[in-house]
N, C-alpha and C. Protein backbone atom coordinates (compact mmCIF):
# COMPACT_ATOMS: atom_id res chain seq x y z
N UNK A 1 -3.75 3.74 28.77
CA UNK A 1 -2.62 3.64 27.86
C UNK A 1 -3.09 3.90 26.43
N UNK A 2 -2.36 4.70 25.72
CA UNK A 2 -2.72 5.06 24.36
C UNK A 2 -2.33 3.93 23.40
N UNK A 3 -3.28 3.42 22.64
CA UNK A 3 -3.01 2.37 21.67
C UNK A 3 -2.94 3.01 20.28
N UNK A 4 -1.72 3.16 19.77
CA UNK A 4 -1.56 3.85 18.48
C UNK A 4 -2.25 3.08 17.35
N UNK A 5 -2.27 1.73 17.42
CA UNK A 5 -2.91 0.95 16.37
C UNK A 5 -4.40 1.30 16.29
N UNK A 6 -5.06 1.36 17.42
CA UNK A 6 -6.49 1.71 17.44
C UNK A 6 -6.72 3.08 16.84
N UNK A 7 -5.84 4.02 17.17
CA UNK A 7 -5.95 5.38 16.63
C UNK A 7 -5.81 5.37 15.11
N UNK A 8 -4.77 4.71 14.60
CA UNK A 8 -4.56 4.67 13.15
C UNK A 8 -5.66 3.88 12.45
N UNK A 9 -6.10 2.78 13.07
CA UNK A 9 -7.11 1.93 12.46
C UNK A 9 -8.48 2.61 12.39
N UNK A 10 -8.69 3.62 13.24
CA UNK A 10 -9.99 4.31 13.25
C UNK A 10 -10.08 5.42 12.20
N UNK A 11 -8.97 5.73 11.52
CA UNK A 11 -8.99 6.78 10.50
C UNK A 11 -9.66 6.24 9.25
N UNK A 12 -10.71 6.92 8.81
CA UNK A 12 -11.42 6.51 7.60
C UNK A 12 -10.66 7.03 6.38
N UNK A 13 -10.09 6.13 5.60
CA UNK A 13 -9.32 6.52 4.43
C UNK A 13 -10.09 6.29 3.13
N UNK A 14 -11.37 5.92 3.25
CA UNK A 14 -12.16 5.54 2.07
C UNK A 14 -12.17 6.61 0.99
N UNK A 15 -12.27 7.87 1.38
CA UNK A 15 -12.35 8.92 0.36
C UNK A 15 -11.00 9.17 -0.33
N UNK A 16 -9.94 8.56 0.19
CA UNK A 16 -8.62 8.72 -0.42
C UNK A 16 -8.16 7.46 -1.14
N UNK A 17 -9.04 6.46 -1.19
CA UNK A 17 -8.70 5.24 -1.91
C UNK A 17 -8.80 5.50 -3.40
N UNK A 18 -7.98 4.81 -4.15
CA UNK A 18 -8.01 4.90 -5.59
C UNK A 18 -8.12 3.50 -6.15
N UNK A 19 -8.46 3.41 -7.42
CA UNK A 19 -8.62 2.10 -8.07
C UNK A 19 -7.66 2.00 -9.24
N UNK A 20 -7.12 0.81 -9.41
CA UNK A 20 -6.40 0.44 -10.62
C UNK A 20 -6.95 -0.91 -11.00
N UNK A 21 -7.68 -0.95 -12.12
CA UNK A 21 -8.33 -2.20 -12.48
C UNK A 21 -9.34 -2.55 -11.41
N UNK A 22 -9.26 -3.77 -10.89
CA UNK A 22 -10.21 -4.20 -9.86
C UNK A 22 -9.66 -4.04 -8.44
N UNK A 23 -8.48 -3.41 -8.30
CA UNK A 23 -7.84 -3.33 -7.00
C UNK A 23 -7.92 -1.94 -6.40
N UNK A 24 -8.21 -1.89 -5.11
CA UNK A 24 -8.23 -0.63 -4.37
C UNK A 24 -6.89 -0.44 -3.70
N UNK A 25 -6.47 0.80 -3.61
CA UNK A 25 -5.23 1.08 -2.90
C UNK A 25 -5.28 2.49 -2.35
N UNK A 26 -4.40 2.75 -1.41
CA UNK A 26 -4.28 4.06 -0.79
C UNK A 26 -3.01 4.68 -1.34
N UNK A 27 -3.08 5.92 -1.79
CA UNK A 27 -1.90 6.55 -2.36
C UNK A 27 -0.85 6.77 -1.27
N UNK A 28 0.41 6.58 -1.62
CA UNK A 28 1.46 6.66 -0.61
C UNK A 28 1.60 8.04 0.01
N UNK A 29 1.45 9.16 -0.74
CA UNK A 29 1.58 10.47 -0.07
C UNK A 29 0.53 10.68 1.03
N UNK A 30 -0.70 10.21 0.79
CA UNK A 30 -1.74 10.35 1.80
C UNK A 30 -1.42 9.47 3.01
N UNK A 31 -0.99 8.24 2.77
CA UNK A 31 -0.67 7.33 3.87
C UNK A 31 0.45 7.90 4.72
N UNK A 32 1.48 8.43 4.07
CA UNK A 32 2.61 9.01 4.81
C UNK A 32 2.14 10.23 5.60
N UNK A 33 1.33 11.09 4.99
CA UNK A 33 0.83 12.29 5.68
C UNK A 33 0.03 11.92 6.91
N UNK A 34 -0.88 10.94 6.79
CA UNK A 34 -1.69 10.53 7.93
C UNK A 34 -0.83 9.90 9.02
N UNK A 35 0.13 9.09 8.61
CA UNK A 35 1.03 8.46 9.58
C UNK A 35 1.82 9.51 10.35
N UNK A 36 2.38 10.48 9.63
CA UNK A 36 3.21 11.51 10.27
C UNK A 36 2.38 12.45 11.13
N UNK A 37 1.10 12.64 10.79
CA UNK A 37 0.24 13.45 11.65
C UNK A 37 -0.03 12.71 12.96
N UNK A 38 -0.20 11.41 12.86
CA UNK A 38 -0.47 10.59 14.05
C UNK A 38 0.78 10.41 14.90
N UNK A 39 1.93 10.26 14.25
CA UNK A 39 3.20 10.09 14.96
C UNK A 39 4.31 10.77 14.17
N UNK A 40 4.64 12.01 14.52
CA UNK A 40 5.68 12.75 13.79
C UNK A 40 7.05 12.08 13.84
N UNK A 41 7.25 11.14 14.77
CA UNK A 41 8.54 10.47 14.86
C UNK A 41 8.59 9.17 14.05
N UNK A 42 7.49 8.81 13.41
CA UNK A 42 7.46 7.56 12.62
C UNK A 42 8.52 7.63 11.51
N UNK A 43 9.16 6.50 11.28
CA UNK A 43 10.17 6.43 10.23
C UNK A 43 9.99 5.15 9.43
N UNK A 44 10.67 5.06 8.32
CA UNK A 44 10.66 3.86 7.50
C UNK A 44 11.94 3.80 6.71
N UNK A 45 12.24 2.62 6.25
CA UNK A 45 13.38 2.48 5.36
C UNK A 45 13.16 1.30 4.42
N UNK A 46 13.77 1.42 3.26
CA UNK A 46 13.72 0.36 2.25
C UNK A 46 14.87 -0.59 2.57
N UNK A 47 14.55 -1.85 2.74
CA UNK A 47 15.58 -2.85 3.04
C UNK A 47 16.43 -3.08 1.79
N UNK A 48 17.70 -3.35 2.02
CA UNK A 48 18.65 -3.57 0.93
C UNK A 48 19.09 -5.03 0.90
N UNK A 49 19.33 -5.50 -0.29
CA UNK A 49 19.80 -6.86 -0.52
C UNK A 49 21.08 -6.75 -1.34
N UNK A 50 22.22 -6.98 -0.70
CA UNK A 50 23.53 -6.76 -1.35
C UNK A 50 23.60 -5.36 -1.95
N UNK A 51 23.08 -4.38 -1.22
CA UNK A 51 23.14 -2.99 -1.66
C UNK A 51 22.01 -2.56 -2.58
N UNK A 52 21.20 -3.50 -3.05
CA UNK A 52 20.12 -3.18 -3.98
C UNK A 52 18.78 -3.08 -3.25
N UNK A 53 17.86 -2.23 -3.75
CA UNK A 53 16.56 -2.08 -3.08
C UNK A 53 15.56 -3.16 -3.47
N UNK A 54 16.03 -4.27 -4.01
CA UNK A 54 15.15 -5.38 -4.39
C UNK A 54 15.92 -6.68 -4.26
N UNK A 55 15.15 -7.76 -4.21
CA UNK A 55 15.73 -9.09 -4.13
C UNK A 55 15.25 -9.88 -5.35
N UNK A 56 16.17 -10.43 -6.10
CA UNK A 56 15.82 -11.28 -7.24
C UNK A 56 15.88 -12.73 -6.79
N UNK A 57 14.76 -13.46 -7.03
CA UNK A 57 14.70 -14.87 -6.66
C UNK A 57 14.26 -15.67 -7.88
N UNK A 58 14.22 -16.99 -7.73
CA UNK A 58 13.76 -17.84 -8.81
C UNK A 58 12.28 -17.62 -9.13
N UNK A 59 11.53 -17.12 -8.15
CA UNK A 59 10.09 -16.92 -8.40
C UNK A 59 9.74 -15.44 -8.60
N UNK A 60 10.71 -14.56 -8.76
CA UNK A 60 10.43 -13.17 -9.07
C UNK A 60 11.24 -12.20 -8.24
N UNK A 61 10.90 -10.92 -8.41
CA UNK A 61 11.58 -9.84 -7.70
C UNK A 61 10.71 -9.40 -6.51
N UNK A 62 11.38 -9.01 -5.42
CA UNK A 62 10.68 -8.58 -4.21
C UNK A 62 11.34 -7.33 -3.65
N UNK A 63 10.54 -6.53 -2.94
CA UNK A 63 11.05 -5.39 -2.19
C UNK A 63 10.54 -5.55 -0.75
N UNK A 64 11.21 -4.86 0.18
CA UNK A 64 10.79 -4.89 1.57
C UNK A 64 10.94 -3.51 2.17
N UNK A 65 9.93 -3.09 2.91
CA UNK A 65 9.97 -1.80 3.60
C UNK A 65 9.61 -2.04 5.06
N UNK A 66 10.39 -1.41 5.94
CA UNK A 66 10.13 -1.49 7.37
C UNK A 66 9.64 -0.12 7.84
N UNK A 67 8.57 -0.11 8.63
CA UNK A 67 8.01 1.12 9.18
C UNK A 67 8.05 1.01 10.70
N UNK A 68 8.53 2.08 11.34
CA UNK A 68 8.62 2.12 12.79
C UNK A 68 7.67 3.20 13.30
N UNK A 69 6.69 2.79 14.12
CA UNK A 69 5.72 3.71 14.71
C UNK A 69 5.76 3.49 16.22
N UNK A 70 6.00 4.57 16.94
CA UNK A 70 6.07 4.52 18.40
C UNK A 70 6.93 3.36 18.88
N UNK A 71 8.05 3.16 18.21
CA UNK A 71 9.01 2.14 18.59
C UNK A 71 8.69 0.74 18.11
N UNK A 72 7.55 0.54 17.49
CA UNK A 72 7.17 -0.79 16.99
C UNK A 72 7.62 -0.91 15.54
N UNK A 73 8.44 -1.93 15.26
CA UNK A 73 8.98 -2.16 13.90
C UNK A 73 8.17 -3.26 13.22
N UNK A 74 7.61 -2.93 12.06
CA UNK A 74 6.91 -3.93 11.26
C UNK A 74 7.37 -3.78 9.82
N UNK A 75 7.61 -4.90 9.16
CA UNK A 75 8.04 -4.82 7.76
C UNK A 75 7.08 -5.61 6.87
N UNK A 76 7.06 -5.20 5.64
CA UNK A 76 6.22 -5.82 4.62
C UNK A 76 7.11 -6.20 3.44
N UNK A 77 6.94 -7.40 2.95
CA UNK A 77 7.63 -7.84 1.73
C UNK A 77 6.60 -7.83 0.63
N UNK A 78 6.97 -7.31 -0.52
CA UNK A 78 6.01 -7.15 -1.61
C UNK A 78 6.66 -7.58 -2.92
N UNK A 79 5.98 -8.40 -3.71
CA UNK A 79 6.52 -8.76 -5.02
C UNK A 79 6.41 -7.57 -5.97
N UNK A 80 7.27 -7.54 -6.96
CA UNK A 80 7.20 -6.49 -7.98
C UNK A 80 6.17 -6.94 -9.00
N UNK A 81 5.04 -6.21 -9.03
CA UNK A 81 3.88 -6.59 -9.84
C UNK A 81 3.50 -5.51 -10.83
N UNK A 82 2.77 -5.93 -11.87
CA UNK A 82 2.23 -4.95 -12.81
C UNK A 82 0.87 -4.48 -12.31
N UNK A 83 0.16 -3.68 -13.10
CA UNK A 83 -1.14 -3.12 -12.70
C UNK A 83 -2.22 -4.20 -12.54
N UNK A 84 -1.98 -5.39 -13.09
CA UNK A 84 -2.94 -6.49 -12.94
C UNK A 84 -2.56 -7.42 -11.80
N UNK A 85 -1.57 -7.00 -11.02
CA UNK A 85 -1.05 -7.78 -9.90
C UNK A 85 -0.39 -9.08 -10.35
N UNK A 86 0.25 -9.03 -11.49
CA UNK A 86 1.01 -10.18 -12.00
C UNK A 86 2.50 -9.85 -11.89
N UNK A 87 3.33 -10.85 -11.54
CA UNK A 87 4.77 -10.59 -11.43
C UNK A 87 5.39 -10.09 -12.73
N UNK A 88 6.32 -9.16 -12.60
CA UNK A 88 7.04 -8.63 -13.76
C UNK A 88 8.35 -9.39 -13.87
N UNK A 89 8.57 -10.03 -15.00
CA UNK A 89 9.77 -10.86 -15.16
C UNK A 89 11.06 -10.06 -15.12
N UNK A 90 11.09 -8.93 -15.85
CA UNK A 90 12.27 -8.07 -15.85
C UNK A 90 11.80 -6.64 -15.56
N UNK A 91 11.75 -6.28 -14.27
CA UNK A 91 11.22 -4.97 -13.91
C UNK A 91 12.19 -3.82 -14.23
N UNK A 92 11.60 -2.67 -14.52
CA UNK A 92 12.38 -1.46 -14.73
C UNK A 92 12.59 -0.77 -13.38
N UNK A 93 13.39 0.28 -13.36
CA UNK A 93 13.58 1.06 -12.14
C UNK A 93 12.24 1.62 -11.67
N UNK A 94 11.40 2.03 -12.61
CA UNK A 94 10.09 2.56 -12.26
C UNK A 94 9.23 1.48 -11.61
N UNK A 95 9.26 0.25 -12.14
CA UNK A 95 8.51 -0.87 -11.56
C UNK A 95 8.96 -1.13 -10.12
N UNK A 96 10.27 -1.10 -9.89
CA UNK A 96 10.82 -1.31 -8.55
C UNK A 96 10.32 -0.20 -7.62
N UNK A 97 10.42 1.06 -8.08
CA UNK A 97 9.99 2.19 -7.27
C UNK A 97 8.50 2.10 -6.94
N UNK A 98 7.68 1.75 -7.92
CA UNK A 98 6.24 1.62 -7.69
C UNK A 98 5.96 0.54 -6.64
N UNK A 99 6.66 -0.58 -6.72
CA UNK A 99 6.47 -1.64 -5.74
C UNK A 99 6.93 -1.22 -4.35
N UNK A 100 7.99 -0.43 -4.28
CA UNK A 100 8.45 0.08 -2.99
C UNK A 100 7.36 0.96 -2.37
N UNK A 101 6.73 1.81 -3.18
CA UNK A 101 5.67 2.69 -2.65
C UNK A 101 4.47 1.86 -2.20
N UNK A 102 4.08 0.84 -2.99
CA UNK A 102 2.98 -0.05 -2.57
C UNK A 102 3.34 -0.75 -1.27
N UNK A 103 4.58 -1.20 -1.18
CA UNK A 103 5.05 -1.90 0.01
C UNK A 103 5.03 -0.97 1.22
N UNK A 104 5.43 0.28 1.03
CA UNK A 104 5.41 1.27 2.11
C UNK A 104 4.00 1.41 2.66
N UNK A 105 3.02 1.56 1.78
CA UNK A 105 1.63 1.73 2.22
C UNK A 105 1.15 0.49 2.97
N UNK A 106 1.53 -0.69 2.49
CA UNK A 106 1.12 -1.92 3.18
C UNK A 106 1.81 -2.05 4.53
N UNK A 107 3.06 -1.61 4.62
CA UNK A 107 3.76 -1.65 5.91
C UNK A 107 3.11 -0.67 6.88
N UNK A 108 2.68 0.48 6.38
CA UNK A 108 1.95 1.43 7.22
C UNK A 108 0.63 0.80 7.66
N UNK A 109 -0.03 0.09 6.76
CA UNK A 109 -1.31 -0.56 7.08
C UNK A 109 -1.14 -1.60 8.20
N UNK A 110 0.01 -2.24 8.28
CA UNK A 110 0.25 -3.19 9.37
C UNK A 110 0.14 -2.50 10.73
N UNK A 111 0.38 -1.19 10.76
CA UNK A 111 0.25 -0.40 11.98
C UNK A 111 -1.18 0.09 12.19
N UNK A 112 -2.10 -0.21 11.22
CA UNK A 112 -3.51 0.12 11.39
C UNK A 112 -4.10 1.01 10.34
N UNK A 113 -3.34 1.93 9.77
CA UNK A 113 -3.89 2.90 8.82
C UNK A 113 -4.29 2.24 7.50
N UNK A 114 -5.59 2.16 7.24
CA UNK A 114 -6.08 1.60 5.99
C UNK A 114 -5.99 0.09 5.90
N UNK A 115 -5.81 -0.58 7.02
CA UNK A 115 -5.67 -2.03 7.00
C UNK A 115 -6.87 -2.71 6.36
N UNK A 116 -8.06 -2.15 6.58
CA UNK A 116 -9.28 -2.76 6.05
C UNK A 116 -9.31 -2.81 4.52
N UNK A 117 -8.52 -1.97 3.87
CA UNK A 117 -8.47 -1.97 2.39
C UNK A 117 -8.05 -3.34 1.87
N UNK A 118 -7.16 -3.99 2.61
CA UNK A 118 -6.57 -5.23 2.14
C UNK A 118 -7.33 -6.47 2.57
N UNK A 119 -8.42 -6.30 3.30
CA UNK A 119 -9.22 -7.45 3.70
C UNK A 119 -9.75 -8.16 2.46
N UNK A 120 -9.51 -9.43 2.35
CA UNK A 120 -10.02 -10.20 1.23
C UNK A 120 -9.08 -10.26 0.04
N UNK A 121 -7.96 -9.53 0.08
CA UNK A 121 -7.07 -9.57 -1.08
C UNK A 121 -6.38 -10.90 -1.24
N UNK A 122 -6.39 -11.70 -0.18
CA UNK A 122 -5.74 -13.00 -0.25
C UNK A 122 -6.71 -14.11 -0.64
N UNK A 123 -7.91 -13.72 -1.11
CA UNK A 123 -8.85 -14.74 -1.57
C UNK A 123 -8.32 -15.41 -2.81
N UNK A 124 -8.57 -16.69 -2.97
CA UNK A 124 -8.10 -17.36 -4.19
C UNK A 124 -8.82 -16.80 -5.41
N UNK A 125 -8.15 -16.88 -6.55
CA UNK A 125 -8.77 -16.39 -7.79
C UNK A 125 -10.09 -17.08 -8.02
N UNK A 126 -11.08 -16.31 -8.46
CA UNK A 126 -12.40 -16.85 -8.71
C UNK A 126 -13.30 -16.78 -7.49
N UNK A 127 -12.73 -16.51 -6.32
CA UNK A 127 -13.58 -16.38 -5.12
C UNK A 127 -14.39 -15.10 -5.23
N UNK A 128 -15.57 -15.10 -4.59
CA UNK A 128 -16.44 -13.93 -4.67
C UNK A 128 -15.77 -12.75 -3.99
N UNK A 129 -15.72 -11.63 -4.69
CA UNK A 129 -15.15 -10.41 -4.14
C UNK A 129 -16.14 -9.28 -4.35
N UNK A 130 -15.90 -8.17 -3.64
CA UNK A 130 -16.75 -7.00 -3.82
C UNK A 130 -16.62 -6.52 -5.26
N UNK A 131 -17.73 -6.02 -5.78
CA UNK A 131 -17.65 -5.50 -7.14
C UNK A 131 -16.81 -4.24 -7.14
N UNK A 132 -16.03 -4.01 -8.19
CA UNK A 132 -15.17 -2.84 -8.24
C UNK A 132 -16.00 -1.55 -8.24
N UNK A 133 -15.50 -0.56 -7.52
CA UNK A 133 -16.17 0.72 -7.40
C UNK A 133 -15.14 1.82 -7.50
N UNK A 134 -15.41 2.90 -8.23
CA UNK A 134 -14.47 4.02 -8.21
C UNK A 134 -14.33 4.49 -6.77
N UNK A 135 -13.15 4.34 -6.20
CA UNK A 135 -12.97 4.50 -4.77
C UNK A 135 -13.17 5.92 -4.25
N UNK A 136 -13.07 6.90 -5.07
CA UNK A 136 -13.21 8.27 -4.59
C UNK A 136 -14.66 8.71 -4.57
N UNK A 137 -15.60 7.81 -4.85
CA UNK A 137 -17.00 8.19 -4.95
C UNK A 137 -17.88 7.37 -4.01
N UNK A 138 -17.57 7.46 -2.71
CA UNK A 138 -18.36 6.76 -1.71
C UNK A 138 -19.33 7.73 -1.05
N UNK A 139 -20.32 7.17 -0.36
CA UNK A 139 -21.29 8.00 0.35
C UNK A 139 -20.57 8.88 1.37
N UNK A 140 -21.14 10.06 1.60
CA UNK A 140 -20.53 10.98 2.57
C UNK A 140 -21.17 10.79 3.94
N UNK A 141 -20.70 11.55 4.92
CA UNK A 141 -21.18 11.41 6.30
C UNK A 141 -22.67 11.69 6.41
N UNK A 142 -23.16 12.67 5.68
CA UNK A 142 -24.60 13.00 5.72
C UNK A 142 -25.44 11.84 5.17
N UNK A 143 -24.98 11.23 4.09
CA UNK A 143 -25.70 10.10 3.50
C UNK A 143 -25.66 8.89 4.43
N UNK A 144 -24.53 8.68 5.10
CA UNK A 144 -24.43 7.58 6.05
C UNK A 144 -25.41 7.80 7.20
N UNK A 145 -25.51 9.03 7.68
CA UNK A 145 -26.45 9.35 8.76
C UNK A 145 -27.88 9.07 8.31
N UNK A 146 -28.20 9.43 7.06
CA UNK A 146 -29.55 9.18 6.52
C UNK A 146 -29.83 7.68 6.45
N UNK A 147 -28.86 6.91 6.00
CA UNK A 147 -29.04 5.45 5.91
C UNK A 147 -29.26 4.87 7.30
N UNK A 148 -28.44 5.30 8.27
CA UNK A 148 -28.60 4.81 9.65
C UNK A 148 -29.97 5.16 10.20
N UNK A 149 -30.43 6.37 9.91
CA UNK A 149 -31.75 6.80 10.37
C UNK A 149 -32.85 5.93 9.77
N UNK A 150 -32.76 5.68 8.47
CA UNK A 150 -33.76 4.84 7.81
C UNK A 150 -33.70 3.40 8.30
N UNK A 151 -32.51 2.91 8.57
CA UNK A 151 -32.39 1.54 9.12
C UNK A 151 -33.11 1.46 10.46
N UNK A 152 -32.92 2.47 11.30
CA UNK A 152 -33.57 2.49 12.62
C UNK A 152 -35.09 2.56 12.47
N UNK A 153 -35.57 3.34 11.51
CA UNK A 153 -37.01 3.50 11.31
C UNK A 153 -37.66 2.25 10.73
N UNK A 154 -36.92 1.50 9.94
CA UNK A 154 -37.50 0.33 9.29
C UNK A 154 -37.30 -0.95 10.09
N UNK A 155 -36.34 -0.93 11.01
CA UNK A 155 -36.04 -2.15 11.76
C UNK A 155 -35.14 -3.10 10.98
N UNK A 156 -34.67 -2.68 9.81
CA UNK A 156 -33.75 -3.50 9.03
C UNK A 156 -32.39 -3.51 9.70
N UNK A 157 -31.61 -4.57 9.48
CA UNK A 157 -30.28 -4.65 10.08
C UNK A 157 -29.23 -4.13 9.11
N UNK A 158 -28.19 -3.59 9.69
CA UNK A 158 -27.07 -3.10 8.90
C UNK A 158 -26.44 -4.25 8.13
N UNK A 159 -26.26 -5.40 8.78
CA UNK A 159 -25.62 -6.55 8.13
C UNK A 159 -26.41 -6.99 6.90
N UNK A 160 -27.73 -6.98 7.00
CA UNK A 160 -28.55 -7.39 5.87
C UNK A 160 -28.37 -6.42 4.69
N UNK A 161 -28.36 -5.11 4.99
CA UNK A 161 -28.17 -4.12 3.94
C UNK A 161 -26.80 -4.26 3.29
N UNK A 162 -25.76 -4.41 4.11
CA UNK A 162 -24.41 -4.54 3.58
C UNK A 162 -24.28 -5.80 2.72
N UNK A 163 -24.88 -6.89 3.18
CA UNK A 163 -24.86 -8.13 2.39
C UNK A 163 -25.57 -7.95 1.06
N UNK A 164 -26.70 -7.26 1.09
CA UNK A 164 -27.46 -7.01 -0.14
C UNK A 164 -26.63 -6.19 -1.14
N UNK A 165 -25.87 -5.22 -0.60
CA UNK A 165 -25.08 -4.33 -1.46
C UNK A 165 -23.69 -4.90 -1.78
N UNK A 166 -23.33 -6.00 -1.15
CA UNK A 166 -22.01 -6.63 -1.34
C UNK A 166 -20.87 -5.70 -0.95
N UNK A 167 -21.01 -5.03 0.19
CA UNK A 167 -19.94 -4.20 0.73
C UNK A 167 -19.74 -4.58 2.20
N UNK A 168 -18.60 -4.20 2.76
CA UNK A 168 -18.28 -4.56 4.14
C UNK A 168 -18.61 -3.46 5.15
N UNK A 169 -18.85 -2.24 4.68
CA UNK A 169 -19.13 -1.13 5.58
C UNK A 169 -19.93 -0.07 4.85
N UNK A 170 -20.69 0.73 5.61
CA UNK A 170 -21.47 1.81 5.00
C UNK A 170 -20.57 2.75 4.21
N UNK A 171 -19.36 3.00 4.72
CA UNK A 171 -18.42 3.91 4.06
C UNK A 171 -18.00 3.44 2.68
N UNK A 172 -18.27 2.17 2.37
CA UNK A 172 -17.86 1.60 1.07
C UNK A 172 -19.02 1.53 0.08
N UNK A 173 -20.15 2.13 0.43
CA UNK A 173 -21.28 2.17 -0.51
C UNK A 173 -20.98 3.26 -1.54
N UNK A 174 -21.03 2.93 -2.82
CA UNK A 174 -20.78 3.94 -3.85
C UNK A 174 -21.81 5.06 -3.76
N UNK A 175 -21.35 6.28 -3.91
CA UNK A 175 -22.26 7.44 -3.88
C UNK A 175 -23.36 7.29 -4.92
N UNK A 176 -23.03 6.70 -6.06
CA UNK A 176 -24.02 6.53 -7.13
C UNK A 176 -25.15 5.59 -6.70
N UNK A 177 -24.91 4.74 -5.72
CA UNK A 177 -25.94 3.81 -5.24
C UNK A 177 -26.82 4.41 -4.15
N UNK A 178 -26.44 5.58 -3.62
CA UNK A 178 -27.20 6.15 -2.51
C UNK A 178 -28.68 6.34 -2.83
N UNK A 179 -29.06 6.94 -3.99
CA UNK A 179 -30.49 7.11 -4.26
C UNK A 179 -31.26 5.79 -4.24
N UNK A 180 -30.66 4.74 -4.78
CA UNK A 180 -31.30 3.42 -4.81
C UNK A 180 -31.45 2.87 -3.39
N UNK A 181 -30.42 3.03 -2.57
CA UNK A 181 -30.46 2.55 -1.19
C UNK A 181 -31.53 3.32 -0.41
N UNK A 182 -31.55 4.64 -0.58
CA UNK A 182 -32.53 5.46 0.12
C UNK A 182 -33.95 5.06 -0.30
N UNK A 183 -34.15 4.87 -1.59
CA UNK A 183 -35.48 4.48 -2.10
C UNK A 183 -35.89 3.11 -1.55
N UNK A 184 -34.97 2.19 -1.54
CA UNK A 184 -35.23 0.85 -1.02
C UNK A 184 -35.65 0.91 0.45
N UNK A 185 -34.91 1.69 1.24
CA UNK A 185 -35.24 1.80 2.66
C UNK A 185 -36.54 2.58 2.89
N UNK A 186 -36.81 3.56 2.06
CA UNK A 186 -38.08 4.31 2.16
C UNK A 186 -39.26 3.37 1.90
N UNK A 187 -39.13 2.51 0.89
CA UNK A 187 -40.20 1.53 0.59
C UNK A 187 -40.39 0.59 1.76
N UNK A 188 -39.30 0.14 2.34
CA UNK A 188 -39.36 -0.75 3.48
C UNK A 188 -40.03 -0.05 4.67
N UNK A 189 -39.74 1.23 4.82
CA UNK A 189 -40.34 2.03 5.90
C UNK A 189 -41.86 2.13 5.71
N UNK A 190 -42.29 2.37 4.47
CA UNK A 190 -43.74 2.47 4.19
C UNK A 190 -44.43 1.14 4.46
N UNK A 191 -43.78 0.02 4.08
CA UNK A 191 -44.37 -1.29 4.32
C UNK A 191 -44.47 -1.59 5.81
N UNK A 192 -43.49 -1.12 6.57
CA UNK A 192 -43.48 -1.38 8.01
C UNK A 192 -44.54 -0.56 8.74
N UNK A 193 -44.97 0.57 8.13
CA UNK A 193 -45.93 1.47 8.81
C UNK A 193 -47.34 0.92 8.78
């Protein structure tokens, strides 16, 4: 049986991630393109509240988007936030639209595509988080292969390296850090010999 979630969750979106401040996100056109390539029948809609594409509450404004993939309906509710992820007291039409697009991407992520981007976003303020990295500058497949090769030669563990670099996956290592990582593993290889 084909598991669409596994298929979507296995797509590496790291090179299409972007940064705003300290937050990583996936651009909505890329998310929609990947979703439609995986399931051309996938659909979505913006939920309405008394005819409006947002809900005003005592604690702020919210939007909701529902995405249907292979008959599975999942929706995401998203507050209307500024670039610092703080609620906007009186949002403009542009603020509402931006939140709808963010909500769309998160609803798509519920189906698997780019879900790992949001891991840890619910940490309380002040909790240790990965250091911000320009998201479009991660190691490429060739560099990942080199790191894996050096790890095998040195006997070092992947978990230890990732912990040292404060990242969750090899794909999230900044390209600018590759020379340092390679040098570190080369030194370890020489010591092991």
